[in-house]
Amino acid sequence: MIDVLGKQFRLDKIIFSILFLMSTGVICLNLVYALAFGTDLVNMNMGIDVALIIYSGFNLFKRQD
């Protein structure tokens, strides 16, 4: 648990939240780059970002027993 501004957060939730947001941002940047320069949208960078967003989303939104 980490104290941030008087509230306690779990470290894994903070890490997966940051990873989810950054993956979403990189996917948006890939989309903008592909539209602006006419390049192929499906590349290794997009594949890794999709895998990261699925992994972080699964771990971020899974239920705790």
Protein backbone atom coordinates (compact mmCIF):
# COMPACT_ATOMS: atom_id res chain seq x y z
CA MET A 1 0.00 0.00 0.00
CA ILE A 2 1.19 3.47 -0.89
CA ASP A 3 -0.07 6.70 0.65
CA VAL A 4 -0.90 9.36 -1.93
CA LEU A 5 -2.48 12.58 -0.66
CA GLY A 6 -3.80 10.84 2.43
CA LYS A 7 -5.34 7.89 0.57
CA GLN A 8 -3.94 4.39 0.33
CA PHE A 9 -3.56 2.66 -3.03
CA ARG A 10 -2.20 -0.73 -4.00
CA LEU A 11 1.00 -0.55 -6.00
CA ASP A 12 -0.15 -3.05 -8.65
CA LYS A 13 -3.31 -1.03 -9.36
CA ILE A 14 -1.24 2.12 -9.86
CA ILE A 15 1.18 0.35 -12.20
CA PHE A 16 -1.57 -1.29 -14.28
CA SER A 17 -3.49 2.00 -14.50
CA ILE A 18 -0.42 3.81 -15.82
CA LEU A 19 0.31 0.97 -18.26
CA PHE A 20 -3.30 0.99 -19.50
CA LEU A 21 -3.30 4.76 -20.08
CA MET A 22 0.10 4.80 -21.78
CA SER A 23 -0.84 1.90 -24.06
CA THR A 24 -4.02 3.71 -25.05
CA GLY A 25 -2.00 6.85 -25.79
CA VAL A 26 0.53 4.99 -27.95
CA ILE A 27 -2.28 3.30 -29.90
CA CYS A 28 -3.81 6.72 -30.58
CA LEU A 29 -0.43 8.07 -31.69
CA ASN A 30 0.02 5.08 -34.02
CA LEU A 31 -3.40 5.78 -35.52
CA VAL A 32 -2.59 9.47 -36.04
CA TYR A 33 0.80 8.59 -37.59
CA ALA A 34 -0.79 6.08 -39.95
CA LEU A 35 -3.43 8.58 -41.04
CA ALA A 36 -0.99 11.47 -41.46
CA PHE A 37 1.73 9.65 -43.38
CA GLY A 38 -0.21 6.86 -45.08
CA THR A 39 1.76 4.04 -43.47
CA ASP A 40 0.51 0.61 -42.51
CA LEU A 41 -1.44 0.61 -39.23
CA VAL A 42 -0.66 -3.01 -38.37
CA ASN A 43 2.96 -3.22 -37.25
CA MET A 44 4.96 -4.68 -34.37
CA ASN A 45 4.50 -1.56 -32.24
CA MET A 46 0.71 -1.77 -32.54
CA GLY A 47 0.78 -5.49 -31.76
CA ILE A 48 2.81 -4.98 -28.60
CA ASP A 49 0.52 -2.13 -27.51
CA VAL A 50 -2.60 -4.21 -28.02
CA ALA A 51 -1.05 -7.03 -25.99
CA LEU A 52 -0.12 -4.58 -23.22
CA ILE A 53 -3.57 -3.01 -23.08
CA ILE A 54 -5.22 -6.44 -22.89
CA TYR A 55 -2.82 -7.57 -20.16
CA SER A 56 -3.15 -4.41 -18.10
CA GLY A 57 -6.92 -4.24 -18.58
CA PHE A 58 -7.31 -7.84 -17.47
CA ASN A 59 -5.23 -7.29 -14.35
CA LEU A 60 -6.73 -3.89 -13.60
CA PHE A 61 -10.38 -4.89 -13.85
CA LYS A 62 -10.32 -8.44 -12.50
CA ARG A 63 -12.29 -9.10 -9.35
CA GLN A 64 -10.50 -9.73 -6.11
CA ASP A 65 -11.72 -12.78 -4.19
